[in-house]
Amino acid sequence: MRTTIRLDDDVAAAAQRLSREDHIGLGEAVNRLARAGLRPGRSRRPSSRFHKSAKDWLETSLNEPVRIGLPWASLLTFQRISTHPRASAHHPLSPSEAWSFVTDWLEAEGTWVPVPGERHAEIIQDLIVAGDLHGNLVTDAHLAALAIEHGVGVCSADSDFARFPQITWVNPILL
């Protein structure tokens, strides 16, 4: 059905943002937001189209004979986002539910927590100053510095890691 409707500014902005993020038409974005709002117990934001592939990658990786480093910055970011009412696609996890995921990941065979070493301050300073990094990129620099110190790569869907030529960056969504 074709119709003309007037959208409030906040609804129009949400639809435009979803359209841009998911590379879909504005009409499809409005439909997704409307459907999400009709589901009982759901948030107004539809599930990410990357959720399943990211979940599958993580579960597979945690069950392979390869060591997986889980920095505290990443674990706490999961805790923060998964318990936040506006960031969850369905309903936010309780702090206890979210922490149980963290515990399971840390108890998986082959996982370890990379910690800053003696060179961390020097490495992160070089990354931040040379890259003129600010805002959210500072945490990315911290994770990149951990990777450099430990001689490992970074696996993240965040394309900002491409700015660090000193590390190997892999996007698990594109594998």
Protein backbone atom coordinates (compact mmCIF):
# COMPACT_ATOMS: atom_id res chain seq x y z
CA MET A 1 0.00 0.00 0.00
CA ARG A 2 1.27 3.46 -0.87
CA THR A 3 0.37 6.33 1.37
CA THR A 4 1.71 9.65 2.54
CA ILE A 5 2.32 10.08 6.25
CA ARG A 6 3.85 12.80 8.35
CA LEU A 7 6.73 11.57 10.55
CA ASP A 8 7.84 13.39 13.66
CA ASP A 9 11.43 14.64 13.45
CA ASP A 10 12.80 11.98 15.82
CA VAL A 11 11.08 9.15 13.90
CA ALA A 12 12.30 10.51 10.56
CA ALA A 13 15.85 10.76 11.95
CA ALA A 14 15.70 7.16 13.24
CA ALA A 15 14.43 5.93 9.87
CA GLN A 16 17.11 7.85 7.97
CA ARG A 17 19.83 6.52 10.32
CA LEU A 18 18.60 2.91 9.88
CA SER A 19 18.37 3.42 6.11
CA ARG A 20 22.00 4.62 6.02
CA GLU A 21 23.34 1.96 8.42
CA ASP A 22 21.62 -1.00 6.75
CA HIS A 23 21.82 0.33 3.17
CA ILE A 24 18.07 0.04 2.62
CA GLY A 25 15.42 2.38 1.30
CA LEU A 26 13.67 4.82 3.59
CA GLY A 27 10.33 3.02 3.17
CA GLU A 28 11.89 -0.29 4.27
CA ALA A 29 13.49 1.44 7.27
CA VAL A 30 10.12 2.86 8.35
CA ASN A 31 8.55 -0.59 7.92
CA ARG A 32 11.27 -2.24 10.05
CA LEU A 33 10.87 0.33 12.80
CA ALA A 34 7.09 -0.07 12.74
CA ARG A 35 7.33 -3.87 12.89
CA ALA A 36 9.80 -3.71 15.77
CA GLY A 37 7.41 -1.41 17.63
CA LEU A 38 4.52 -3.85 17.13
CA ARG A 39 6.32 -6.78 18.75
CA PRO A 40 5.49 -7.15 22.44
CA GLY A 41 8.49 -6.91 24.73
CA ARG A 42 10.78 -5.67 21.95
CA SER A 43 12.70 -2.48 21.72
CA ARG A 44 12.04 -0.06 18.89
CA ARG A 45 15.32 -0.95 17.17
CA PRO A 46 15.40 -4.04 14.96
CA SER A 47 18.11 -6.65 15.42
CA SER A 48 21.40 -6.04 13.66
CA ARG A 49 21.78 -7.93 10.40
CA PHE A 50 25.28 -8.84 11.59
CA HIS A 51 24.22 -10.44 14.89
CA LYS A 52 23.99 -14.04 13.65
CA SER A 53 27.29 -14.04 11.75
CA ALA A 54 29.11 -12.40 14.67
CA LYS A 55 27.59 -14.87 17.14
CA ASP A 56 28.47 -17.83 14.91
CA TRP A 57 32.06 -16.58 14.50
CA LEU A 58 32.54 -16.13 18.26
CA GLU A 59 31.08 -19.54 19.14
CA THR A 60 33.22 -21.26 16.50
CA SER A 61 36.37 -19.40 17.57
CA LEU A 62 35.89 -20.23 21.24
CA ASN A 63 35.65 -23.93 20.35
CA GLU A 64 38.73 -24.07 18.11
CA PRO A 65 42.24 -24.95 19.33
CA VAL A 66 43.36 -21.33 18.85
CA ARG A 67 44.00 -18.88 21.67
CA ILE A 68 41.56 -15.98 21.78
CA GLY A 69 42.52 -12.84 23.68
CA LEU A 70 39.62 -11.05 25.37
CA PRO A 71 40.76 -7.65 26.68
CA TRP A 72 38.89 -6.22 29.65
CA ALA A 73 38.02 -3.16 27.56
CA SER A 74 36.10 -5.41 25.14
CA LEU A 75 34.45 -7.50 27.84
CA LEU A 76 33.26 -4.42 29.71
CA THR A 77 31.99 -2.87 26.48
CA PHE A 78 29.85 -5.98 25.97
CA GLN A 79 28.58 -5.65 29.56
CA ARG A 80 27.77 -1.95 29.03
CA ILE A 81 26.00 -2.35 25.70
CA SER A 82 24.11 -5.58 26.38
CA THR A 83 22.58 -4.17 29.57
CA HIS A 84 21.69 -0.76 28.11
CA PRO A 85 17.94 -0.41 27.38
CA ARG A 86 18.39 1.63 24.20
CA ALA A 87 21.21 -0.44 22.72
CA SER A 88 19.62 -3.87 22.90
CA ALA A 89 17.75 -5.19 19.87
CA HIS A 90 15.26 -7.18 21.95
CA HIS A 91 15.41 -6.47 25.64
CA PRO A 92 18.49 -5.59 27.65
CA LEU A 93 20.20 -8.34 29.57
CA SER A 94 20.28 -8.05 33.32
CA PRO A 95 23.77 -7.39 34.69
CA SER A 96 23.84 -10.98 35.95
CA GLU A 97 22.82 -12.42 32.55
CA ALA A 98 25.43 -10.36 30.73
CA TRP A 99 28.14 -11.27 33.23
CA SER A 100 27.36 -14.96 32.78
CA PHE A 101 28.39 -14.58 29.11
CA VAL A 102 31.64 -12.92 30.17
CA THR A 103 32.29 -15.72 32.67
CA ASP A 104 31.60 -18.41 30.05
CA TRP A 105 33.97 -16.73 27.58
CA LEU A 106 36.73 -16.40 30.17
CA GLU A 107 36.33 -20.04 31.18
CA ALA A 108 36.51 -21.32 27.60
CA GLU A 109 39.65 -23.30 26.89
CA GLY A 110 42.15 -21.18 25.01
CA THR A 111 40.93 -17.75 26.10
CA TRP A 112 43.20 -15.33 27.88
CA VAL A 113 43.11 -11.69 28.95
CA PRO A 114 45.87 -9.58 27.38
CA VAL A 115 47.11 -6.99 29.84
CA PRO A 116 49.26 -3.92 29.25
CA GLY A 117 52.98 -4.60 29.50
CA GLU A 118 55.98 -2.38 30.14
CA ARG A 119 55.83 -0.78 26.67
CA HIS A 120 52.08 -0.07 26.69
CA ALA A 121 52.31 3.63 27.56
CA GLU A 122 54.96 4.22 24.88
CA ILE A 123 53.04 2.31 22.20
CA ILE A 124 49.65 3.88 22.96
CA GLN A 125 51.21 7.36 23.08
CA ASP A 126 52.73 6.81 19.63
CA LEU A 127 49.39 5.60 18.24
CA ILE A 128 47.35 8.43 19.76
CA VAL A 129 49.74 11.28 18.99
CA ALA A 130 50.83 10.14 15.52
CA GLY A 131 47.26 9.33 14.54
CA ASP A 132 45.79 12.47 16.17
CA LEU A 133 43.24 10.17 17.80
CA HIS A 134 40.41 11.35 20.02
CA GLY A 135 37.02 10.19 21.29
CA ASN A 136 36.15 6.55 20.67
CA LEU A 137 39.40 6.03 18.76
CA VAL A 138 41.36 6.21 22.02
CA THR A 139 39.95 2.85 23.14
CA ASP A 140 40.76 1.43 19.69
CA ALA A 141 44.35 2.65 20.18
CA HIS A 142 44.47 0.87 23.55
CA LEU A 143 43.33 -2.40 21.94
CA ALA A 144 45.79 -1.93 19.06
CA ALA A 145 48.60 -1.30 21.57
CA LEU A 146 47.71 -4.55 23.37
CA ALA A 147 47.86 -6.38 20.04
CA ILE A 148 51.25 -4.86 19.19
CA GLU A 149 52.67 -5.73 22.62
CA HIS A 150 51.48 -9.32 22.47
CA GLY A 151 52.23 -9.85 18.78
CA VAL A 152 48.65 -10.74 17.88
CA GLY A 153 46.01 -9.37 15.53
CA VAL A 154 42.69 -7.71 16.24
CA CYS A 155 39.42 -9.32 15.23
CA SER A 156 36.63 -6.75 15.14
CA ALA A 157 33.82 -5.55 12.91
CA ASP A 158 34.99 -1.99 13.67
CA SER A 159 36.65 -0.72 10.49
CA ASP A 160 38.49 1.96 12.49
CA PHE A 161 41.17 -0.67 13.18
CA ALA A 162 42.24 -0.36 9.55
CA ARG A 163 43.94 2.91 10.54
CA PHE A 164 46.61 0.96 12.45
CA PRO A 165 49.05 -0.49 9.89
CA GLN A 166 51.13 -1.97 12.76
CA ILE A 167 48.50 -4.67 13.40
CA THR A 168 46.72 -7.34 11.45
CA TRP A 169 43.00 -6.54 11.50
CA VAL A 170 40.37 -9.11 10.59
CA ASN A 171 36.65 -8.40 10.29
CA PRO A 172 34.86 -11.62 11.35
CA ILE A 173 31.64 -10.52 9.65
CA LEU A 174 33.37 -10.62 6.25
CA LEU A 175 34.98 -14.04 6.70
